Amino acid sequence: MESVLWVLPVDKTGRPTGSARQVTREVSDAPVWAGGSATLLYLGGRLKSVRLDGKPARSIPVRLTWRNDTGPDQVVIHAGRMWDGVSPSVVRDVDVIVRGQRIVMQGHAYGSR
């Protein structure tokens, strides 16, 4: 409610069996249960967890690293039909050469270089 997390005890039919209790005090997005039913994970600017026993929320460090794979030095794509986005028609049976993630040559018939 009001962008923070609350819990409400319910019975097996989903009917409330007690009062709702607030468990976070900050804007809390994307909540999921973790470790059974005693802990919630959520996004509060960062990944956080809060236990339902009243202990304060704690940040969970997320050390993600990513870098673009450079891939092979050259790739030859054999295309049966290709439209370059500029010409009025398609071309047939061409090799498209990609070097370093850039198209450097196109329009040669298969096998002729």
PDB file of N, CA and C in Angstrom:
ATOM      1  N   MET A   1       0.836  -1.175   0.000  1.00  0.00           N
ATOM      2  CA  MET A   1       0.000   0.000   0.000  1.00  0.00           C
ATOM      3  C   MET A   1       0.885   1.244   0.000  1.00  0.00           C
ATOM      4  N   GLU A   2       0.491   2.252  -0.723  1.00  0.00           N
ATOM      5  CA  GLU A   2       1.187   3.528  -0.766  1.00  0.00           C
ATOM      6  C   GLU A   2       2.679   3.369  -1.055  1.00  0.00           C
ATOM      7  N   SER A   3       3.012   2.423  -1.943  1.00  0.00           N
ATOM      8  CA  SER A   3       4.375   2.170  -2.430  1.00  0.00           C
ATOM      9  C   SER A   3       5.313   1.532  -1.414  1.00  0.00           C
ATOM     10  N   VAL A   4       4.810   1.086  -0.271  1.00  0.00           N
ATOM     11  CA  VAL A   4       5.631   0.355   0.692  1.00  0.00           C
ATOM     12  C   VAL A   4       5.020  -1.033   0.889  1.00  0.00           C
ATOM     13  N   LEU A   5       5.795  -1.944   1.468  1.00  0.00           N
ATOM     14  CA  LEU A   5       5.337  -3.325   1.618  1.00  0.00           C
ATOM     15  C   LEU A   5       4.628  -3.538   2.955  1.00  0.00           C
ATOM     16  N   TRP A   6       3.550  -4.265   2.885  1.00  0.00           N
ATOM     17  CA  TRP A   6       2.783  -4.677   4.046  1.00  0.00           C
ATOM     18  C   TRP A   6       2.560  -6.176   3.935  1.00  0.00           C
ATOM     19  N   VAL A   7       2.332  -6.842   5.052  1.00  0.00           N
ATOM     20  CA  VAL A   7       1.935  -8.246   5.047  1.00  0.00           C
ATOM     21  C   VAL A   7       0.599  -8.363   5.771  1.00  0.00           C
ATOM     22  N   LEU A   8      -0.164  -9.342   5.351  1.00  0.00           N
ATOM     23  CA  LEU A   8      -1.480  -9.573   5.928  1.00  0.00           C
ATOM     24  C   LEU A   8      -1.629 -11.076   6.123  1.00  0.00           C
ATOM     25  N   PRO A   9      -1.812 -11.537   7.354  1.00  0.00           N
ATOM     26  CA  PRO A   9      -2.007 -12.973   7.555  1.00  0.00           C
ATOM     27  C   PRO A   9      -3.350 -13.418   6.977  1.00  0.00           C
ATOM     28  N   VAL A  10      -3.332 -14.561   6.283  1.00  0.00           N
ATOM     29  CA  VAL A  10      -4.546 -15.105   5.679  1.00  0.00           C
ATOM     30  C   VAL A  10      -4.623 -16.597   5.962  1.00  0.00           C
ATOM     31  N   ASP A  11      -5.829 -17.143   5.842  1.00  0.00           N
ATOM     32  CA  ASP A  11      -5.975 -18.593   5.981  1.00  0.00           C
ATOM     33  C   ASP A  11      -5.809 -19.244   4.615  1.00  0.00           C
ATOM     34  N   LYS A  12      -6.006 -20.557   4.538  1.00  0.00           N
ATOM     35  CA  LYS A  12      -5.755 -21.264   3.278  1.00  0.00           C
ATOM     36  C   LYS A  12      -6.730 -20.882   2.166  1.00  0.00           C
ATOM     37  N   THR A  13      -7.822 -20.213   2.509  1.00  0.00           N
ATOM     38  CA  THR A  13      -8.746 -19.752   1.472  1.00  0.00           C
ATOM     39  C   THR A  13      -8.440 -18.326   1.027  1.00  0.00           C
ATOM     40  N   GLY A  14      -7.475 -17.660   1.696  1.00  0.00           N
ATOM     41  CA  GLY A  14      -7.116 -16.296   1.344  1.00  0.00           C
ATOM     42  C   GLY A  14      -7.842 -15.241   2.143  1.00  0.00           C
ATOM     43  N   ARG A  15      -8.637 -15.654   3.114  1.00  0.00           N
ATOM     44  CA  ARG A  15      -9.351 -14.683   3.951  1.00  0.00           C
ATOM     45  C   ARG A  15      -8.433 -14.167   5.059  1.00  0.00           C
ATOM     46  N   PRO A  16      -8.462 -12.854   5.306  1.00  0.00           N
ATOM     47  CA  PRO A  16      -7.614 -12.277   6.355  1.00  0.00           C
ATOM     48  C   PRO A  16      -7.913 -12.888   7.725  1.00  0.00           C
ATOM     49  N   THR A  17      -6.842 -13.115   8.484  1.00  0.00           N
ATOM     50  CA  THR A  17      -6.986 -13.653   9.847  1.00  0.00           C
ATOM     51  C   THR A  17      -6.411 -12.703  10.883  1.00  0.00           C
ATOM     52  N   GLY A  18      -5.982 -11.523  10.444  1.00  0.00           N
ATOM     53  CA  GLY A  18      -5.410 -10.552  11.370  1.00  0.00           C
ATOM     54  C   GLY A  18      -5.272  -9.210  10.675  1.00  0.00           C
ATOM     55  N   SER A  19      -4.534  -8.322  11.310  1.00  0.00           N
ATOM     56  CA  SER A  19      -4.345  -6.977  10.771  1.00  0.00           C
ATOM     57  C   SER A  19      -3.121  -6.917   9.867  1.00  0.00           C
ATOM     58  N   ALA A  20      -3.168  -6.005   8.884  1.00  0.00           N
ATOM     59  CA  ALA A  20      -2.024  -5.762   8.010  1.00  0.00           C
ATOM     60  C   ALA A  20      -0.923  -5.085   8.813  1.00  0.00           C
ATOM     61  N   ARG A  21       0.346  -5.413   8.461  1.00  0.00           N
ATOM     62  CA  ARG A  21       1.493  -4.834   9.165  1.00  0.00           C
ATOM     63  C   ARG A  21       2.503  -4.330   8.148  1.00  0.00           C
ATOM     64  N   GLN A  22       2.921  -3.076   8.280  1.00  0.00           N
ATOM     65  CA  GLN A  22       3.890  -2.475   7.368  1.00  0.00           C
ATOM     66  C   GLN A  22       5.279  -3.056   7.661  1.00  0.00           C
ATOM     67  N   VAL A  23       6.019  -3.439   6.560  1.00  0.00           N
ATOM     68  CA  VAL A  23       7.356  -4.021   6.765  1.00  0.00           C
ATOM     69  C   VAL A  23       8.478  -3.189   6.139  1.00  0.00           C
ATOM     70  N   THR A  24       8.160  -2.231   5.271  1.00  0.00           N
ATOM     71  CA  THR A  24       9.188  -1.316   4.757  1.00  0.00           C
ATOM     72  C   THR A  24       8.698   0.117   4.946  1.00  0.00           C
ATOM     73  N   ARG A  25       9.654   1.045   4.932  1.00  0.00           N
ATOM     74  CA  ARG A  25       9.327   2.463   5.110  1.00  0.00           C
ATOM     75  C   ARG A  25       9.755   3.297   3.909  1.00  0.00           C
ATOM     76  N   GLU A  26      10.268   2.646   2.875  1.00  0.00           N
ATOM     77  CA  GLU A  26      10.716   3.343   1.664  1.00  0.00           C
ATOM     78  C   GLU A  26       9.947   2.785   0.473  1.00  0.00           C
ATOM     79  N   VAL A  27       9.977   3.490  -0.632  1.00  0.00           N
ATOM     80  CA  VAL A  27       9.355   2.978  -1.851  1.00  0.00           C
ATOM     81  C   VAL A  27       9.962   1.620  -2.147  1.00  0.00           C
ATOM     82  N   SER A  28       9.103   0.615  -2.323  1.00  0.00           N
ATOM     83  CA  SER A  28       9.549  -0.773  -2.446  1.00  0.00           C
ATOM     84  C   SER A  28       8.919  -1.400  -3.678  1.00  0.00           C
ATOM     85  N   ASP A  29       9.749  -1.687  -4.672  1.00  0.00           N
ATOM     86  CA  ASP A  29       9.256  -2.247  -5.930  1.00  0.00           C
ATOM     87  C   ASP A  29       9.654  -3.712  -6.074  1.00  0.00           C
ATOM     88  N   ALA A  30       8.910  -4.429  -6.911  1.00  0.00           N
ATOM     89  CA  ALA A  30       9.210  -5.794  -7.351  1.00  0.00           C
ATOM     90  C   ALA A  30       9.466  -6.763  -6.192  1.00  0.00           C
ATOM     91  N   PRO A  31       8.575  -6.856  -5.217  1.00  0.00           N
ATOM     92  CA  PRO A  31       8.827  -7.757  -4.090  1.00  0.00           C
ATOM     93  C   PRO A  31       8.686  -9.229  -4.478  1.00  0.00           C
ATOM     94  N   VAL A  32       9.536 -10.058  -3.881  1.00  0.00           N
ATOM     95  CA  VAL A  32       9.437 -11.520  -4.030  1.00  0.00           C
ATOM     96  C   VAL A  32       9.779 -12.150  -2.682  1.00  0.00           C
ATOM     97  N   TRP A  33       9.167 -13.297  -2.410  1.00  0.00           N
ATOM     98  CA  TRP A  33       9.488 -14.035  -1.194  1.00  0.00           C
ATOM     99  C   TRP A  33      10.831 -14.715  -1.373  1.00  0.00           C
ATOM    100  N   ALA A  34      11.620 -14.770  -0.321  1.00  0.00           N
ATOM    101  CA  ALA A  34      12.924 -15.440  -0.371  1.00  0.00           C
ATOM    102  C   ALA A  34      13.124 -16.219   0.917  1.00  0.00           C
ATOM    103  N   GLY A  35      13.704 -17.409   0.806  1.00  0.00           N
ATOM    104  CA  GLY A  35      14.011 -18.180   2.009  1.00  0.00           C
ATOM    105  C   GLY A  35      12.778 -18.582   2.791  1.00  0.00           C
ATOM    106  N   GLY A  36      11.772 -19.101   2.113  1.00  0.00           N
ATOM    107  CA  GLY A  36      10.527 -19.451   2.791  1.00  0.00           C
ATOM    108  C   GLY A  36       9.618 -18.244   2.858  1.00  0.00           C
ATOM    109  N   SER A  37       8.932 -18.071   3.985  1.00  0.00           N
ATOM    110  CA  SER A  37       7.986 -16.960   4.081  1.00  0.00           C
ATOM    111  C   SER A  37       8.420 -15.913   5.092  1.00  0.00           C
ATOM    112  N   ALA A  38       9.676 -15.953   5.535  1.00  0.00           N
ATOM    113  CA  ALA A  38      10.119 -15.009   6.565  1.00  0.00           C
ATOM    114  C   ALA A  38      10.888 -13.819   6.004  1.00  0.00           C
ATOM    115  N   THR A  39      11.207 -13.814   4.716  1.00  0.00           N
ATOM    116  CA  THR A  39      12.030 -12.750   4.137  1.00  0.00           C
ATOM    117  C   THR A  39      11.470 -12.309   2.797  1.00  0.00           C
ATOM    118  N   LEU A  40      11.505 -10.999   2.569  1.00  0.00           N
ATOM    119  CA  LEU A  40      11.108 -10.435   1.280  1.00  0.00           C
ATOM    120  C   LEU A  40      12.323  -9.767   0.651  1.00  0.00           C
ATOM    121  N   LEU A  41      12.509  -9.973  -0.654  1.00  0.00           N
ATOM    122  CA  LEU A  41      13.478  -9.214  -1.434  1.00  0.00           C
ATOM    123  C   LEU A  41      12.697  -8.155  -2.187  1.00  0.00           C
ATOM    124  N   TYR A  42      13.297  -6.984  -2.350  1.00  0.00           N
ATOM    125  CA  TYR A  42      12.612  -5.916  -3.089  1.00  0.00           C
ATOM    126  C   TYR A  42      13.641  -4.912  -3.592  1.00  0.00           C
ATOM    127  N   LEU A  43      13.203  -4.059  -4.488  1.00  0.00           N
ATOM    128  CA  LEU A  43      14.048  -2.978  -4.987  1.00  0.00           C
ATOM    129  C   LEU A  43      13.642  -1.694  -4.285  1.00  0.00           C
ATOM    130  N   GLY A  44      14.584  -1.114  -3.582  1.00  0.00           N
ATOM    131  CA  GLY A  44      14.370   0.155  -2.899  1.00  0.00           C
ATOM    132  C   GLY A  44      15.511   1.082  -3.269  1.00  0.00           C
ATOM    133  N   GLY A  45      15.673   1.319  -4.556  1.00  0.00           N
ATOM    134  CA  GLY A  45      16.844   2.024  -5.053  1.00  0.00           C
ATOM    135  C   GLY A  45      17.972   1.049  -5.340  1.00  0.00           C
ATOM    136  N   ARG A  46      18.084   0.016  -4.552  1.00  0.00           N
ATOM    137  CA  ARG A  46      19.016  -1.094  -4.725  1.00  0.00           C
ATOM    138  C   ARG A  46      18.291  -2.359  -4.281  1.00  0.00           C
ATOM    139  N   LEU A  47      18.923  -3.505  -4.499  1.00  0.00           N
ATOM    140  CA  LEU A  47      18.333  -4.760  -4.036  1.00  0.00           C
ATOM    141  C   LEU A  47      18.440  -4.821  -2.525  1.00  0.00           C
ATOM    142  N   LYS A  48      17.323  -5.102  -1.867  1.00  0.00           N
ATOM    143  CA  LYS A  48      17.293  -5.152  -0.403  1.00  0.00           C
ATOM    144  C   LYS A  48      16.495  -6.360   0.058  1.00  0.00           C
ATOM    145  N   SER A  49      16.715  -6.724   1.318  1.00  0.00           N
ATOM    146  CA  SER A  49      15.900  -7.770   1.923  1.00  0.00           C
ATOM    147  C   SER A  49      15.396  -7.272   3.269  1.00  0.00           C
ATOM    148  N   VAL A  50      14.235  -7.738   3.640  1.00  0.00           N
ATOM    149  CA  VAL A  50      13.667  -7.406   4.938  1.00  0.00           C
ATOM    150  C   VAL A  50      13.047  -8.669   5.511  1.00  0.00           C
ATOM    151  N   ARG A  51      13.342  -8.916   6.776  1.00  0.00           N
ATOM    152  CA  ARG A  51      12.735 -10.057   7.465  1.00  0.00           C
ATOM    153  C   ARG A  51      11.415  -9.597   8.084  1.00  0.00           C
ATOM    154  N   LEU A  52      10.512 -10.500   8.239  1.00  0.00           N
ATOM    155  CA  LEU A  52       9.203 -10.135   8.781  1.00  0.00           C
ATOM    156  C   LEU A  52       9.190 -10.096  10.296  1.00  0.00           C
ATOM    157  N   ASP A  53      10.350 -10.344  10.937  1.00  0.00           N
ATOM    158  CA  ASP A  53      10.411 -10.315  12.398  1.00  0.00           C
ATOM    159  C   ASP A  53      10.661  -8.920  12.950  1.00  0.00           C
ATOM    160  N   GLY A  54      10.661  -7.886  12.070  1.00  0.00           N
ATOM    161  CA  GLY A  54      10.804  -6.519  12.529  1.00  0.00           C
ATOM    162  C   GLY A  54      12.213  -5.960  12.436  1.00  0.00           C
ATOM    163  N   LYS A  55      13.186  -6.788  12.077  1.00  0.00           N
ATOM    164  CA  LYS A  55      14.548  -6.273  11.911  1.00  0.00           C
ATOM    165  C   LYS A  55      14.580  -5.328  10.714  1.00  0.00           C
ATOM    166  N   PRO A  56      15.481  -4.335  10.740  1.00  0.00           N
ATOM    167  CA  PRO A  56      15.528  -3.380   9.622  1.00  0.00           C
ATOM    168  C   PRO A  56      15.981  -4.036   8.319  1.00  0.00           C
ATOM    169  N   ALA A  57      15.590  -3.412   7.210  1.00  0.00           N
ATOM    170  CA  ALA A  57      15.974  -3.906   5.881  1.00  0.00           C
ATOM    171  C   ALA A  57      17.480  -3.756   5.715  1.00  0.00           C
ATOM    172  N   ARG A  58      18.060  -4.625   4.892  1.00  0.00           N
ATOM    173  CA  ARG A  58      19.489  -4.518   4.601  1.00  0.00           C
ATOM    174  C   ARG A  58      19.705  -4.566   3.099  1.00  0.00           C
ATOM    175  N   SER A  59      20.714  -3.842   2.643  1.00  0.00           N
ATOM    176  CA  SER A  59      21.086  -3.847   1.224  1.00  0.00           C
ATOM    177  C   SER A  59      21.832  -5.129   0.907  1.00  0.00           C
ATOM    178  N   ILE A  60      21.608  -5.636  -0.286  1.00  0.00           N
ATOM    179  CA  ILE A  60      22.310  -6.827  -0.756  1.00  0.00           C
ATOM    180  C   ILE A  60      23.239  -6.386  -1.874  1.00  0.00           C
ATOM    181  N   PRO A  61      24.548  -6.547  -1.692  1.00  0.00           N
ATOM    182  CA  PRO A  61      25.461  -6.122  -2.756  1.00  0.00           C
ATOM    183  C   PRO A  61      25.289  -6.989  -4.000  1.00  0.00           C
ATOM    184  N   VAL A  62      25.221  -6.342  -5.133  1.00  0.00           N
ATOM    185  CA  VAL A  62      25.110  -7.046  -6.412  1.00  0.00           C
ATOM    186  C   VAL A  62      26.288  -6.583  -7.254  1.00  0.00           C
ATOM    187  N   ARG A  63      27.240  -7.457  -7.424  1.00  0.00           N
ATOM    188  CA  ARG A  63      28.454  -7.110  -8.171  1.00  0.00           C
ATOM    189  C   ARG A  63      28.375  -7.726  -9.558  1.00  0.00           C
ATOM    190  N   LEU A  64      27.706  -7.027 -10.451  1.00  0.00           N
ATOM    191  CA  LEU A  64      27.565  -7.503 -11.820  1.00  0.00           C
ATOM    192  C   LEU A  64      28.578  -6.806 -12.708  1.00  0.00           C
ATOM    193  N   THR A  65      29.198  -7.560 -13.563  1.00  0.00           N
ATOM    194  CA  THR A  65      30.092  -6.975 -14.557  1.00  0.00           C
ATOM    195  C   THR A  65      29.667  -7.500 -15.917  1.00  0.00           C
ATOM    196  N   TRP A  66      29.829  -6.672 -16.916  1.00  0.00           N
ATOM    197  CA  TRP A  66      29.457  -7.047 -18.267  1.00  0.00           C
ATOM    198  C   TRP A  66      30.346  -6.304 -19.228  1.00  0.00           C
ATOM    199  N   ARG A  67      30.723  -6.986 -20.269  1.00  0.00           N
ATOM    200  CA  ARG A  67      31.443  -6.320 -21.348  1.00  0.00           C
ATOM    201  C   ARG A  67      31.029  -6.963 -22.647  1.00  0.00           C
ATOM    202  N   ASN A  68      31.034  -6.179 -23.685  1.00  0.00           N
ATOM    203  CA  ASN A  68      30.613  -6.645 -24.985  1.00  0.00           C
ATOM    204  C   ASN A  68      31.643  -7.621 -25.534  1.00  0.00           C
ATOM    205  N   ASP A  69      31.195  -8.769 -25.994  1.00  0.00           N
ATOM    206  CA  ASP A  69      32.081  -9.743 -26.617  1.00  0.00           C
ATOM    207  C   ASP A  69      32.510  -9.203 -27.975  1.00  0.00           C
ATOM    208  N   THR A  70      33.791  -9.192 -28.229  1.00  0.00           N
ATOM    209  CA  THR A  70      34.281  -8.641 -29.492  1.00  0.00           C
ATOM    210  C   THR A  70      33.959  -9.552 -30.671  1.00  0.00           C
ATOM    211  N   GLY A  71      33.767 -10.826 -30.422  1.00  0.00           N
ATOM    212  CA  GLY A  71      33.424 -11.746 -31.505  1.00  0.00           C
ATOM    213  C   GLY A  71      34.600 -11.999 -32.431  1.00  0.00           C
ATOM    214  N   PRO A  72      34.362 -12.749 -33.505  1.00  0.00           N
ATOM    215  CA  PRO A  72      35.435 -13.054 -34.445  1.00  0.00           C
ATOM    216  C   PRO A  72      35.857 -11.807 -35.222  1.00  0.00           C
ATOM    217  N   ASP A  73      37.079 -11.845 -35.784  1.00  0.00           N
ATOM    218  CA  ASP A  73      37.579 -10.708 -36.560  1.00  0.00           C
ATOM    219  C   ASP A  73      36.755 -10.466 -37.810  1.00  0.00           C
ATOM    220  N   GLN A  74      36.266 -11.544 -38.411  1.00  0.00           N
ATOM    221  CA  GLN A  74      35.496 -11.396 -39.652  1.00  0.00           C
ATOM    222  C   GLN A  74      34.418 -12.465 -39.715  1.00  0.00           C
ATOM    223  N   VAL A  75      33.272 -12.070 -40.231  1.00  0.00           N
ATOM    224  CA  VAL A  75      32.160 -12.995 -40.465  1.00  0.00           C
ATOM    225  C   VAL A  75      31.666 -12.756 -41.878  1.00  0.00           C
ATOM    226  N   VAL A  76      31.436 -13.851 -42.602  1.00  0.00           N
ATOM    227  CA  VAL A  76      30.858 -13.752 -43.938  1.00  0.00           C
ATOM    228  C   VAL A  76      29.450 -14.324 -43.867  1.00  0.00           C
ATOM    229  N   ILE A  77      28.491 -13.512 -44.241  1.00  0.00           N
ATOM    230  CA  ILE A  77      27.088 -13.930 -44.247  1.00  0.00           C
ATOM    231  C   ILE A  77      26.689 -14.175 -45.691  1.00  0.00           C
ATOM    232  N   HIS A  78      26.312 -15.396 -46.014  1.00  0.00           N
ATOM    233  CA  HIS A  78      25.843 -15.745 -47.358  1.00  0.00           C
ATOM    234  C   HIS A  78      24.332 -15.516 -47.381  1.00  0.00           C
ATOM    235  N   ALA A  79      23.904 -14.532 -48.146  1.00  0.00           N
ATOM    236  CA  ALA A  79      22.488 -14.177 -48.181  1.00  0.00           C
ATOM    237  C   ALA A  79      21.882 -14.537 -49.524  1.00  0.00           C
ATOM    238  N   GLY A  80      20.791 -15.281 -49.490  1.00  0.00           N
ATOM    239  CA  GLY A  80      20.079 -15.610 -50.719  1.00  0.00           C
ATOM    240  C   GLY A  80      19.395 -14.382 -51.295  1.00  0.00           C
ATOM    241  N   ARG A  81      18.893 -13.541 -50.415  1.00  0.00           N
ATOM    242  CA  ARG A  81      18.291 -12.265 -50.806  1.00  0.00           C
ATOM    243  C   ARG A  81      18.653 -11.248 -49.750  1.00  0.00           C
ATOM    244  N   MET A  82      18.921 -10.018 -50.184  1.00  0.00           N
ATOM    245  CA  MET A  82      19.269  -8.976 -49.236  1.00  0.00           C
ATOM    246  C   MET A  82      18.733  -7.636 -49.728  1.00  0.00           C
ATOM    247  N   TRP A  83      18.173  -6.905 -48.801  1.00  0.00           N
ATOM    248  CA  TRP A  83      17.764  -5.534 -49.093  1.00  0.00           C
ATOM    249  C   TRP A  83      18.557  -4.641 -48.173  1.00  0.00           C
ATOM    250  N   ASP A  84      19.229  -3.647 -48.690  1.00  0.00           N
ATOM    251  CA  ASP A  84      20.123  -2.800 -47.897  1.00  0.00           C
ATOM    252  C   ASP A  84      19.421  -1.622 -47.227  1.00  0.00           C
ATOM    253  N   GLY A  85      18.131  -1.501 -47.413  1.00  0.00           N
ATOM    254  CA  GLY A  85      17.391  -0.418 -46.784  1.00  0.00           C
ATOM    255  C   GLY A  85      17.419   0.877 -47.565  1.00  0.00           C
ATOM    256  N   VAL A  86      18.166   0.919 -48.662  1.00  0.00           N
ATOM    257  CA  VAL A  86      18.286   2.129 -49.471  1.00  0.00           C
ATOM    258  C   VAL A  86      17.852   1.867 -50.907  1.00  0.00           C
ATOM    259  N   SER A  87      18.327   0.758 -51.466  1.00  0.00           N
ATOM    260  CA  SER A  87      18.018   0.426 -52.861  1.00  0.00           C
ATOM    261  C   SER A  87      16.545   0.102 -53.028  1.00  0.00           C
ATOM    262  N   PRO A  88      16.003   0.296 -54.245  1.00  0.00           N
ATOM    263  CA  PRO A  88      14.580   0.028 -54.458  1.00  0.00           C
ATOM    264  C   PRO A  88      14.253  -1.467 -54.538  1.00  0.00           C
ATOM    265  N   SER A  89      15.261  -2.325 -54.707  1.00  0.00           N
ATOM    266  CA  SER A  89      14.971  -3.759 -54.833  1.00  0.00           C
ATOM    267  C   SER A  89      15.995  -4.585 -54.061  1.00  0.00           C
ATOM    268  N   VAL A  90      15.692  -5.847 -53.926  1.00  0.00           N
ATOM    269  CA  VAL A  90      16.613  -6.764 -53.249  1.00  0.00           C
ATOM    270  C   VAL A  90      17.673  -7.252 -54.230  1.00  0.00           C
ATOM    271  N   VAL A  91      18.805  -7.692 -53.696  1.00  0.00           N
ATOM    272  CA  VAL A  91      19.824  -8.364 -54.516  1.00  0.00           C
ATOM    273  C   VAL A  91      19.830  -9.827 -54.101  1.00  0.00           C
ATOM    274  N   ARG A  92      20.284 -10.677 -55.013  1.00  0.00           N
ATOM    275  CA  ARG A  92      20.270 -12.120 -54.753  1.00  0.00           C
ATOM    276  C   ARG A  92      21.687 -12.671 -54.666  1.00  0.00           C
ATOM    277  N   ASP A  93      21.810 -13.716 -53.848  1.00  0.00           N
ATOM    278  CA  ASP A  93      23.044 -14.487 -53.744  1.00  0.00           C
ATOM    279  C   ASP A  93      24.262 -13.609 -53.522  1.00  0.00           C
ATOM    280  N   VAL A  94      24.311 -12.962 -52.384  1.00  0.00           N
ATOM    281  CA  VAL A  94      25.428 -12.072 -52.070  1.00  0.00           C
ATOM    282  C   VAL A  94      26.119 -12.513 -50.780  1.00  0.00           C
ATOM    283  N   ASP A  95      27.368 -12.119 -50.654  1.00  0.00           N
ATOM    284  CA  ASP A  95      28.124 -12.278 -49.415  1.00  0.00           C
ATOM    285  C   ASP A  95      28.190 -10.911 -48.742  1.00  0.00           C
ATOM    286  N   VAL A  96      27.873 -10.878 -47.479  1.00  0.00           N
ATOM    287  CA  VAL A  96      28.005  -9.661 -46.692  1.00  0.00           C
ATOM    288  C   VAL A  96      29.158  -9.923 -45.724  1.00  0.00           C
ATOM    289  N   ILE A  97      30.183  -9.071 -45.765  1.00  0.00           N
ATOM    290  CA  ILE A  97      31.352  -9.260 -44.919  1.00  0.00           C
ATOM    291  C   ILE A  97      31.291  -8.273 -43.759  1.00  0.00           C
ATOM    292  N   VAL A  98      31.425  -8.810 -42.559  1.00  0.00           N
ATOM    293  CA  VAL A  98      31.393  -7.999 -41.347  1.00  0.00           C
ATOM    294  C   VAL A  98      32.749  -8.134 -40.671  1.00  0.00           C
ATOM    295  N   ARG A  99      33.407  -7.000 -40.445  1.00  0.00           N
ATOM    296  CA  ARG A  99      34.686  -6.970 -39.724  1.00  0.00           C
ATOM    297  C   ARG A  99      34.528  -6.044 -38.525  1.00  0.00           C
ATOM    298  N   GLY A 100      34.838  -6.569 -37.363  1.00  0.00           N
ATOM    299  CA  GLY A 100      34.779  -5.730 -36.164  1.00  0.00           C
ATOM    300  C   GLY A 100      33.428  -5.095 -35.950  1.00  0.00           C
ATOM    301  N   GLN A 101      32.351  -5.803 -36.195  1.00  0.00           N
ATOM    302  CA  GLN A 101      30.982  -5.339 -36.016  1.00  0.00           C
ATOM    303  C   GLN A 101      30.582  -4.252 -37.006  1.00  0.00           C
ATOM    304  N   ARG A 102      31.264  -4.173 -38.135  1.00  0.00           N
ATOM    305  CA  ARG A 102      30.897  -3.224 -39.197  1.00  0.00           C
ATOM    306  C   ARG A 102      30.821  -3.970 -40.525  1.00  0.00           C
ATOM    307  N   ILE A 103      29.818  -3.625 -41.331  1.00  0.00           N
ATOM    308  CA  ILE A 103      29.721  -4.184 -42.678  1.00  0.00           C
ATOM    309  C   ILE A 103      30.735  -3.454 -43.542  1.00  0.00           C
ATOM    310  N   VAL A 104      31.647  -4.218 -44.166  1.00  0.00           N
ATOM    311  CA  VAL A 104      32.684  -3.572 -44.968  1.00  0.00           C
ATOM    312  C   VAL A 104      32.523  -3.834 -46.460  1.00  0.00           C
ATOM    313  N   MET A 105      31.774  -4.874 -46.822  1.00  0.00           N
ATOM    314  CA  MET A 105      31.641  -5.181 -48.236  1.00  0.00           C
ATOM    315  C   MET A 105      30.367  -5.991 -48.443  1.00  0.00           C
ATOM    316  N   GLN A 106      29.713  -5.719 -49.508  1.00  0.00           N
ATOM    317  CA  GLN A 106      28.528  -6.512 -49.843  1.00  0.00           C
ATOM    318  C   GLN A 106      28.336  -6.503 -51.350  1.00  0.00           C
ATOM    319  N   GLY A 107      27.542  -7.425 -51.816  1.00  0.00           N
ATOM    320  CA  GLY A 107      27.188  -7.427 -53.232  1.00  0.00           C
ATOM    321  C   GLY A 107      27.971  -8.380 -54.096  1.00  0.00           C
ATOM    322  N   HIS A 108      28.983  -9.048 -53.570  1.00  0.00           N
ATOM    323  CA  HIS A 108      29.709 -10.025 -54.369  1.00  0.00           C
ATOM    324  C   HIS A 108      28.917 -11.321 -54.419  1.00  0.00           C
ATOM    325  N   ALA A 109      28.876 -11.939 -55.563  1.00  0.00           N
ATOM    326  CA  ALA A 109      28.202 -13.234 -55.665  1.00  0.00           C
ATOM    327  C   ALA A 109      28.944 -14.252 -54.828  1.00  0.00           C
ATOM    328  N   TYR A 110      28.242 -15.303 -54.382  1.00  0.00           N
ATOM    329  CA  TYR A 110      28.865 -16.341 -53.563  1.00  0.00           C
ATOM    330  C   TYR A 110      30.163 -16.798 -54.209  1.00  0.00           C
ATOM    331  N   GLY A 111      31.175 -16.910 -53.404  1.00  0.00           N
ATOM    332  CA  GLY A 111      32.436 -17.505 -53.848  1.00  0.00           C
ATOM    333  C   GLY A 111      33.306 -16.603 -54.706  1.00  0.00           C
ATOM    334  N   SER A 112      32.844 -15.478 -55.186  1.00  0.00           N
ATOM    335  CA  SER A 112      33.699 -14.628 -56.017  1.00  0.00           C
ATOM    336  C   SER A 112      34.245 -13.502 -55.155  1.00  0.00           C
ATOM    337  N   ARG A 113      35.547 -13.458 -55.019  1.00  0.00           N
ATOM    338  CA  ARG A 113      36.175 -12.424 -54.196  1.00  0.00           C
ATOM    339  C   ARG A 113      37.393 -11.912 -54.891  1.00  0.00           C
TER     340      ARG A 113
END
